[in-house]
Each structure stands twice: as C-alpha cells, then as structure tokens.
C-alpha cells in the first residue's frame, strides 16, 4: 500500500509529460499541414527534403475529397524547370 502511494506522484508526472508531448506533436502536425496547404513553394521544398511527408499530405487531402492538388503541383514544377 505504501509503494502505491509513492508511485502515484511519479505516475502523474509521467502522464503529464506524455500528454504534453502529444499536444506538442498535434500542434506541430497542424502547423505543418497548414503551411503545406497554403504554399505550393513549401510543398516543393517538402518534395525535395521529405517526400514521404508530402505523400501523406496528398493522401490525406485526397481522402477528404480534394483532388488535383498533386497534379497541379507537378505541372507547375515541371514548367518551372523548363
């Protein structure tokens, strides 16, 4: 019984730490999504540095019913190279 009382404050600290980390992660993901959703240039940067993250972005917006963003990006990037 005594061990349970001494572990309780530690468990609360761990829970608060995990909860804070989750909130930071969700806020970071939201900011990243918002930036990618509003800037084609940022998406181009992401395609060069982190293509797997950009792929997740494209799939998520396609799941929500927004189609054509990937194609518009690729078209612009191809024409800007030439």
PDB file of N, CA and C in Angstrom:
ATOM      1  N   UNK A   1       0.826  -1.187   0.000  1.00  0.00           N
ATOM      2  CA  UNK A   1       0.000   0.000   0.000  1.00  0.00           C
ATOM      3  C   UNK A   1       0.876   1.259   0.000  1.00  0.00           C
ATOM      4  N   UNK A   2       1.972   1.199   0.762  1.00  0.00           N
ATOM      5  CA  UNK A   2       2.875   2.340   0.842  1.00  0.00           C
ATOM      6  C   UNK A   2       3.563   2.589  -0.501  1.00  0.00           C
ATOM      7  N   UNK A   3       3.928   1.521  -1.214  1.00  0.00           N
ATOM      8  CA  UNK A   3       4.572   1.655  -2.522  1.00  0.00           C
ATOM      9  C   UNK A   3       3.628   2.309  -3.525  1.00  0.00           C
ATOM     10  N   UNK A   4       2.360   1.981  -3.449  1.00  0.00           N
ATOM     11  CA  UNK A   4       1.380   2.568  -4.367  1.00  0.00           C
ATOM     12  C   UNK A   4       1.295   4.077  -4.166  1.00  0.00           C
ATOM     13  N   UNK A   5       1.358   4.540  -2.931  1.00  0.00           N
ATOM     14  CA  UNK A   5       1.301   5.979  -2.654  1.00  0.00           C
ATOM     15  C   UNK A   5       2.537   6.700  -3.168  1.00  0.00           C
ATOM     16  N   UNK A   6       3.685   6.060  -3.070  1.00  0.00           N
ATOM     17  CA  UNK A   6       4.910   6.724  -3.534  1.00  0.00           C
ATOM     18  C   UNK A   6       5.011   6.707  -5.052  1.00  0.00           C
ATOM     19  N   UNK A   7       4.381   5.756  -5.695  1.00  0.00           N
ATOM     20  CA  UNK A   7       4.407   5.679  -7.157  1.00  0.00           C
ATOM     21  C   UNK A   7       3.408   6.638  -7.792  1.00  0.00           C
ATOM     22  N   UNK A   8       2.376   7.020  -7.053  1.00  0.00           N
ATOM     23  CA  UNK A   8       1.328   7.858  -7.615  1.00  0.00           C
ATOM     24  C   UNK A   8       1.847   9.205  -8.135  1.00  0.00           C
ATOM     25  N   UNK A   9       2.664   9.953  -7.407  1.00  0.00           N
ATOM     26  CA  UNK A   9       3.179  11.222  -7.958  1.00  0.00           C
ATOM     27  C   UNK A   9       4.031  11.012  -9.205  1.00  0.00           C
ATOM     28  N   UNK A  10       4.810   9.935  -9.239  1.00  0.00           N
ATOM     29  CA  UNK A  10       5.631   9.628 -10.410  1.00  0.00           C
ATOM     30  C   UNK A  10       4.745   9.321 -11.614  1.00  0.00           C
ATOM     31  N   UNK A  11       3.695   8.556 -11.397  1.00  0.00           N
ATOM     32  CA  UNK A  11       2.772   8.224 -12.483  1.00  0.00           C
ATOM     33  C   UNK A  11       2.099   9.477 -13.019  1.00  0.00           C
ATOM     34  N   UNK A  12       1.751  10.389 -12.141  1.00  0.00           N
ATOM     35  CA  UNK A  12       1.129  11.641 -12.584  1.00  0.00           C
ATOM     36  C   UNK A  12       2.105  12.476 -13.409  1.00  0.00           C
ATOM     37  N   UNK A  13       3.350  12.522 -12.993  1.00  0.00           N
ATOM     38  CA  UNK A  13       4.364  13.273 -13.745  1.00  0.00           C
ATOM     39  C   UNK A  13       4.582  12.667 -15.125  1.00  0.00           C
ATOM     40  N   UNK A  14       4.633  11.352 -15.178  1.00  0.00           N
ATOM     41  CA  UNK A  14       4.812  10.672 -16.461  1.00  0.00           C
ATOM     42  C   UNK A  14       3.607  10.929 -17.359  1.00  0.00           C
ATOM     43  N   UNK A  15       2.408  10.839 -16.798  1.00  0.00           N
ATOM     44  CA  UNK A  15       1.191  11.094 -17.574  1.00  0.00           C
ATOM     45  C   UNK A  15       1.192  12.522 -18.117  1.00  0.00           C
ATOM     46  N   UNK A  16       1.535  13.485 -17.278  1.00  0.00           N
ATOM     47  CA  UNK A  16       1.564  14.881 -17.719  1.00  0.00           C
ATOM     48  C   UNK A  16       2.611  15.082 -18.815  1.00  0.00           C
ATOM     49  N   UNK A  17       3.752  14.433 -18.695  1.00  0.00           N
ATOM     50  CA  UNK A  17       4.789  14.531 -19.713  1.00  0.00           C
ATOM     51  C   UNK A  17       4.336  13.947 -21.045  1.00  0.00           C
ATOM     52  N   UNK A  18       3.706  12.793 -20.993  1.00  0.00           N
ATOM     53  CA  UNK A  18       3.201  12.159 -22.214  1.00  0.00           C
ATOM     54  C   UNK A  18       2.107  13.016 -22.841  1.00  0.00           C
ATOM     55  N   UNK A  19       1.224  13.551 -22.027  1.00  0.00           N
ATOM     56  CA  UNK A  19       0.154  14.411 -22.524  1.00  0.00           C
ATOM     57  C   UNK A  19       0.727  15.673 -23.177  1.00  0.00           C
ATOM     58  N   UNK A  20       1.730  16.278 -22.552  1.00  0.00           N
ATOM     59  CA  UNK A  20       2.364  17.471 -23.126  1.00  0.00           C
ATOM     60  C   UNK A  20       3.034  17.137 -24.456  1.00  0.00           C
ATOM     61  N   UNK A  21       3.708  15.997 -24.529  1.00  0.00           N
ATOM     62  CA  UNK A  21       4.359  15.593 -25.778  1.00  0.00           C
ATOM     63  C   UNK A  21       3.326  15.370 -26.885  1.00  0.00           C
ATOM     64  N   UNK A  22       2.197  14.772 -26.540  1.00  0.00           N
ATOM     65  CA  UNK A  22       1.117  14.560 -27.510  1.00  0.00           C
ATOM     66  C   UNK A  22       0.590  15.901 -28.035  1.00  0.00           C
ATOM     67  N   UNK A  23       0.375  16.842 -27.139  1.00  0.00           N
ATOM     68  CA  UNK A  23      -0.141  18.150 -27.550  1.00  0.00           C
ATOM     69  C   UNK A  23       0.838  18.883 -28.449  1.00  0.00           C
ATOM     70  N   UNK A  24       2.117  18.813 -28.127  1.00  0.00           N
ATOM     71  CA  UNK A  24       3.146  19.438 -28.966  1.00  0.00           C
ATOM     72  C   UNK A  24       3.158  18.778 -30.341  1.00  0.00           C
ATOM     73  N   UNK A  25       3.041  17.468 -30.376  1.00  0.00           N
ATOM     74  CA  UNK A  25       3.026  16.744 -31.646  1.00  0.00           C
ATOM     75  C   UNK A  25       1.822  17.098 -32.508  1.00  0.00           C
ATOM     76  N   UNK A  26       0.662  17.189 -31.900  1.00  0.00           N
ATOM     77  CA  UNK A  26      -0.550  17.545 -32.649  1.00  0.00           C
ATOM     78  C   UNK A  26      -0.443  18.980 -33.167  1.00  0.00           C
ATOM     79  N   UNK A  27       0.035  19.892 -32.339  1.00  0.00           N
ATOM     80  CA  UNK A  27       0.194  21.286 -32.763  1.00  0.00           C
ATOM     81  C   UNK A  27       1.203  21.394 -33.904  1.00  0.00           C
ATOM     82  N   UNK A  28       2.295  20.659 -33.813  1.00  0.00           N
ATOM     83  CA  UNK A  28       3.296  20.666 -34.877  1.00  0.00           C
ATOM     84  C   UNK A  28       2.750  20.115 -36.178  1.00  0.00           C
ATOM     85  N   UNK A  29       2.006  19.028 -36.094  1.00  0.00           N
ATOM     86  CA  UNK A  29       1.411  18.436 -37.298  1.00  0.00           C
ATOM     87  C   UNK A  29       0.403  19.389 -37.930  1.00  0.00           C
ATOM     88  N   UNK A  30      -0.375  20.072 -37.099  1.00  0.00           N
ATOM     89  CA  UNK A  30      -1.347  21.038 -37.616  1.00  0.00           C
ATOM     90  C   UNK A  30      -0.641  22.193 -38.332  1.00  0.00           C
ATOM     91  N   UNK A  31       0.408  22.733 -37.716  1.00  0.00           N
ATOM     92  CA  UNK A  31       1.156  23.842 -38.336  1.00  0.00           C
ATOM     93  C   UNK A  31       1.784  23.402 -39.659  1.00  0.00           C
ATOM     94  N   UNK A  32       2.344  22.207 -39.686  1.00  0.00           N
ATOM     95  CA  UNK A  32       2.946  21.692 -40.913  1.00  0.00           C
ATOM     96  C   UNK A  32       1.887  21.519 -42.002  1.00  0.00           C
ATOM     97  N   UNK A  33       0.734  20.955 -41.646  1.00  0.00           N
ATOM     98  CA  UNK A  33      -0.340  20.779 -42.615  1.00  0.00           C
ATOM     99  C   UNK A  33      -0.817  22.129 -43.146  1.00  0.00           C
ATOM    100  N   UNK A  34      -0.996  23.083 -42.243  1.00  0.00           N
ATOM    101  CA  UNK A  34      -1.480  24.408 -42.649  1.00  0.00           C
ATOM    102  C   UNK A  34      -0.493  25.073 -43.607  1.00  0.00           C
ATOM    103  N   UNK A  35       0.803  24.949 -43.324  1.00  0.00           N
ATOM    104  CA  UNK A  35       1.830  25.536 -44.193  1.00  0.00           C
ATOM    105  C   UNK A  35       1.824  24.852 -45.561  1.00  0.00           C
ATOM    106  N   UNK A  36       1.731  23.526 -45.579  1.00  0.00           N
ATOM    107  CA  UNK A  36       1.703  22.814 -46.855  1.00  0.00           C
ATOM    108  C   UNK A  36       0.425  23.121 -47.629  1.00  0.00           C
ATOM    109  N   UNK A  37      -0.670  23.315 -46.917  1.00  0.00           N
ATOM    110  CA  UNK A  37      -1.947  23.564 -47.567  1.00  0.00           C
ATOM    111  C   UNK A  37      -2.011  24.955 -48.198  1.00  0.00           C
ATOM    112  N   UNK A  38      -1.175  25.876 -47.721  1.00  0.00           N
ATOM    113  CA  UNK A  38      -1.264  27.253 -48.198  1.00  0.00           C
ATOM    114  C   UNK A  38      -0.105  27.670 -49.105  1.00  0.00           C
ATOM    115  N   UNK A  39       0.931  26.846 -49.243  1.00  0.00           N
ATOM    116  CA  UNK A  39       2.104  27.270 -50.007  1.00  0.00           C
ATOM    117  C   UNK A  39       2.607  26.164 -50.938  1.00  0.00           C
ATOM    118  N   UNK A  40       2.451  26.412 -52.231  1.00  0.00           N
ATOM    119  CA  UNK A  40       2.943  25.454 -53.217  1.00  0.00           C
ATOM    120  C   UNK A  40       4.474  25.399 -53.195  1.00  0.00           C
ATOM    121  N   UNK A  41       5.112  26.522 -52.940  1.00  0.00           N
ATOM    122  CA  UNK A  41       6.577  26.541 -52.843  1.00  0.00           C
ATOM    123  C   UNK A  41       7.066  25.692 -51.672  1.00  0.00           C
ATOM    124  N   UNK A  42       6.353  25.766 -50.544  1.00  0.00           N
ATOM    125  CA  UNK A  42       6.721  24.943 -49.395  1.00  0.00           C
ATOM    126  C   UNK A  42       6.545  23.465 -49.723  1.00  0.00           C
ATOM    127  N   UNK A  43       5.476  23.131 -50.450  1.00  0.00           N
ATOM    128  CA  UNK A  43       5.284  21.725 -50.858  1.00  0.00           C
ATOM    129  C   UNK A  43       6.423  21.266 -51.757  1.00  0.00           C
ATOM    130  N   UNK A  44       6.935  22.155 -52.602  1.00  0.00           N
ATOM    131  CA  UNK A  44       8.063  21.789 -53.458  1.00  0.00           C
ATOM    132  C   UNK A  44       9.306  21.523 -52.612  1.00  0.00           C
ATOM    133  N   UNK A  45       9.530  22.353 -51.619  1.00  0.00           N
ATOM    134  CA  UNK A  45      10.648  22.129 -50.698  1.00  0.00           C
ATOM    135  C   UNK A  45      10.486  20.790 -49.986  1.00  0.00           C
ATOM    136  N   UNK A  46       9.258  20.499 -49.541  1.00  0.00           N
ATOM    137  CA  UNK A  46       8.997  19.229 -48.865  1.00  0.00           C
ATOM    138  C   UNK A  46       9.212  18.052 -49.810  1.00  0.00           C
ATOM    139  N   UNK A  47       8.898  18.232 -51.098  1.00  0.00           N
ATOM    140  CA  UNK A  47       9.073  17.131 -52.046  1.00  0.00           C
ATOM    141  C   UNK A  47      10.547  16.791 -52.227  1.00  0.00           C
ATOM    142  N   UNK A  48      11.412  17.772 -52.043  1.00  0.00           N
ATOM    143  CA  UNK A  48      12.851  17.527 -52.180  1.00  0.00           C
ATOM    144  C   UNK A  48      13.461  16.963 -50.895  1.00  0.00           C
ATOM    145  N   UNK A  49      13.023  17.480 -49.754  1.00  0.00           N
ATOM    146  CA  UNK A  49      13.649  17.099 -48.480  1.00  0.00           C
ATOM    147  C   UNK A  49      12.946  15.933 -47.780  1.00  0.00           C
ATOM    148  N   UNK A  50      11.605  15.949 -47.796  1.00  0.00           N
ATOM    149  CA  UNK A  50      10.822  14.936 -47.088  1.00  0.00           C
ATOM    150  C   UNK A  50       9.663  14.452 -47.949  1.00  0.00           C
ATOM    151  N   UNK A  51       9.953  13.721 -49.029  1.00  0.00           N
ATOM    152  CA  UNK A  51       8.869  13.307 -49.939  1.00  0.00           C
ATOM    153  C   UNK A  51       7.811  12.421 -49.279  1.00  0.00           C
ATOM    154  N   UNK A  52       8.188  11.658 -48.274  1.00  0.00           N
ATOM    155  CA  UNK A  52       7.219  10.786 -47.615  1.00  0.00           C
ATOM    156  C   UNK A  52       6.182  11.601 -46.842  1.00  0.00           C
ATOM    157  N   UNK A  53       6.571  12.734 -46.284  1.00  0.00           N
ATOM    158  CA  UNK A  53       5.617  13.601 -45.580  1.00  0.00           C
ATOM    159  C   UNK A  53       4.663  14.237 -46.583  1.00  0.00           C
ATOM    160  N   UNK A  54       5.190  14.655 -47.725  1.00  0.00           N
ATOM    161  CA  UNK A  54       4.337  15.236 -48.755  1.00  0.00           C
ATOM    162  C   UNK A  54       3.336  14.205 -49.266  1.00  0.00           C
ATOM    163  N   UNK A  55       3.757  12.970 -49.381  1.00  0.00           N
ATOM    164  CA  UNK A  55       2.855  11.897 -49.822  1.00  0.00           C
ATOM    165  C   UNK A  55       1.700  11.720 -48.828  1.00  0.00           C
ATOM    166  N   UNK A  56       2.002  11.794 -47.542  1.00  0.00           N
ATOM    167  CA  UNK A  56       0.959  11.708 -46.517  1.00  0.00           C
ATOM    168  C   UNK A  56      -0.009  12.881 -46.664  1.00  0.00           C
ATOM    169  N   UNK A  57       0.516  14.069 -46.935  1.00  0.00           N
ATOM    170  CA  UNK A  57      -0.328  15.254 -47.142  1.00  0.00           C
ATOM    171  C   UNK A  57      -1.270  15.033 -48.332  1.00  0.00           C
ATOM    172  N   UNK A  58      -0.714  14.605 -49.460  1.00  0.00           N
ATOM    173  CA  UNK A  58      -1.544  14.379 -50.650  1.00  0.00           C
ATOM    174  C   UNK A  58      -2.630  13.348 -50.376  1.00  0.00           C
ATOM    175  N   UNK A  59      -2.275  12.249 -49.733  1.00  0.00           N
ATOM    176  CA  UNK A  59      -3.256  11.199 -49.460  1.00  0.00           C
ATOM    177  C   UNK A  59      -4.346  11.694 -48.520  1.00  0.00           C
ATOM    178  N   UNK A  60      -3.965  12.507 -47.537  1.00  0.00           N
ATOM    179  CA  UNK A  60      -4.971  12.982 -46.581  1.00  0.00           C
ATOM    180  C   UNK A  60      -5.953  13.941 -47.239  1.00  0.00           C
ATOM    181  N   UNK A  61      -5.477  14.818 -48.115  1.00  0.00           N
ATOM    182  CA  UNK A  61      -6.428  15.731 -48.755  1.00  0.00           C
ATOM    183  C   UNK A  61      -7.265  15.010 -49.807  1.00  0.00           C
ATOM    184  N   UNK A  62      -6.692  13.983 -50.434  1.00  0.00           N
ATOM    185  CA  UNK A  62      -7.486  13.187 -51.377  1.00  0.00           C
ATOM    186  C   UNK A  62      -8.567  12.413 -50.637  1.00  0.00           C
ATOM    187  N   UNK A  63      -8.254  11.933 -49.435  1.00  0.00           N
ATOM    188  CA  UNK A  63      -9.259  11.239 -48.618  1.00  0.00           C
ATOM    189  C   UNK A  63     -10.399  12.170 -48.242  1.00  0.00           C
ATOM    190  N   UNK A  64     -10.091  13.455 -48.093  1.00  0.00           N
ATOM    191  CA  UNK A  64     -11.136  14.417 -47.719  1.00  0.00           C
ATOM    192  C   UNK A  64     -11.918  14.915 -48.931  1.00  0.00           C
ATOM    193  N   UNK A  65     -11.541  14.459 -50.136  1.00  0.00           N
ATOM    194  CA  UNK A  65     -12.305  14.801 -51.327  1.00  0.00           C
ATOM    195  C   UNK A  65     -11.707  15.893 -52.187  1.00  0.00           C
ATOM    196  N   UNK A  66     -10.537  16.377 -51.845  1.00  0.00           N
ATOM    197  CA  UNK A  66      -9.878  17.407 -52.653  1.00  0.00           C
ATOM    198  C   UNK A  66      -8.904  16.722 -53.608  1.00  0.00           C
ATOM    199  N   UNK A  67      -9.224  16.771 -54.888  1.00  0.00           N
ATOM    200  CA  UNK A  67      -8.383  16.116 -55.881  1.00  0.00           C
ATOM    201  C   UNK A  67      -7.732  17.159 -56.773  1.00  0.00           C
ATOM    202  N   UNK A  68      -6.602  16.804 -57.365  1.00  0.00           N
ATOM    203  CA  UNK A  68      -5.947  17.659 -58.338  1.00  0.00           C
ATOM    204  C   UNK A  68      -4.790  18.481 -57.810  1.00  0.00           C
ATOM    205  N   UNK A  69      -4.592  18.513 -56.515  1.00  0.00           N
ATOM    206  CA  UNK A  69      -3.503  19.321 -55.953  1.00  0.00           C
ATOM    207  C   UNK A  69      -2.157  18.747 -56.380  1.00  0.00           C
ATOM    208  N   UNK A  70      -2.018  17.437 -56.277  1.00  0.00           N
ATOM    209  CA  UNK A  70      -0.768  16.786 -56.672  1.00  0.00           C
ATOM    210  C   UNK A  70      -0.449  17.074 -58.142  1.00  0.00           C
ATOM    211  N   UNK A  71      -1.463  16.959 -58.982  1.00  0.00           N
ATOM    212  CA  UNK A  71      -1.263  17.161 -60.419  1.00  0.00           C
ATOM    213  C   UNK A  71      -0.886  18.617 -60.724  1.00  0.00           C
ATOM    214  N   UNK A  72      -1.546  19.560 -60.059  1.00  0.00           N
ATOM    215  CA  UNK A  72      -1.223  20.976 -60.257  1.00  0.00           C
ATOM    216  C   UNK A  72       0.208  21.279 -59.815  1.00  0.00           C
ATOM    217  N   UNK A  73       0.607  20.692 -58.687  1.00  0.00           N
ATOM    218  CA  UNK A  73       1.978  20.883 -58.206  1.00  0.00           C
ATOM    219  C   UNK A  73       2.987  20.347 -59.217  1.00  0.00           C
ATOM    220  N   UNK A  74       2.771  19.117 -59.662  1.00  0.00           N
ATOM    221  CA  UNK A  74       3.707  18.510 -60.601  1.00  0.00           C
ATOM    222  C   UNK A  74       3.767  19.291 -61.907  1.00  0.00           C
ATOM    223  N   UNK A  75       2.625  19.771 -62.369  1.00  0.00           N
ATOM    224  CA  UNK A  75       2.591  20.555 -63.603  1.00  0.00           C
ATOM    225  C   UNK A  75       3.392  21.854 -63.449  1.00  0.00           C
ATOM    226  N   UNK A  76       3.197  22.533 -62.328  1.00  0.00           N
ATOM    227  CA  UNK A  76       3.922  23.792 -62.109  1.00  0.00           C
ATOM    228  C   UNK A  76       5.419  23.541 -61.985  1.00  0.00           C
ATOM    229  N   UNK A  77       5.795  22.491 -61.258  1.00  0.00           N
ATOM    230  CA  UNK A  77       7.211  22.223 -61.045  1.00  0.00           C
ATOM    231  C   UNK A  77       7.884  21.824 -62.353  1.00  0.00           C
ATOM    232  N   UNK A  78       7.178  21.097 -63.217  1.00  0.00           N
ATOM    233  CA  UNK A  78       7.747  20.725 -64.497  1.00  0.00           C
ATOM    234  C   UNK A  78       7.924  21.952 -65.411  1.00  0.00           C
ATOM    235  N   UNK A  79       6.927  22.835 -65.419  1.00  0.00           N
ATOM    236  CA  UNK A  79       7.030  24.030 -66.274  1.00  0.00           C
ATOM    237  C   UNK A  79       8.066  25.017 -65.737  1.00  0.00           C
ATOM    238  N   UNK A  80       8.280  25.035 -64.418  1.00  0.00           N
ATOM    239  CA  UNK A  80       9.276  25.956 -63.874  1.00  0.00           C
ATOM    240  C   UNK A  80      10.707  25.466 -64.137  1.00  0.00           C
ATOM    241  N   UNK A  81      10.878  24.156 -64.357  1.00  0.00           N
ATOM    242  CA  UNK A  81      12.208  23.626 -64.693  1.00  0.00           C
ATOM    243  C   UNK A  81      12.597  23.993 -66.111  1.00  0.00           C
ATOM    244  N   UNK A  82      11.605  24.065 -67.005  1.00  0.00           N
ATOM    245  CA  UNK A  82      11.892  24.326 -68.437  1.00  0.00           C
ATOM    246  C   UNK A  82      11.988  25.793 -68.719  1.00  0.00           C
TER     247      UNK A  82
END
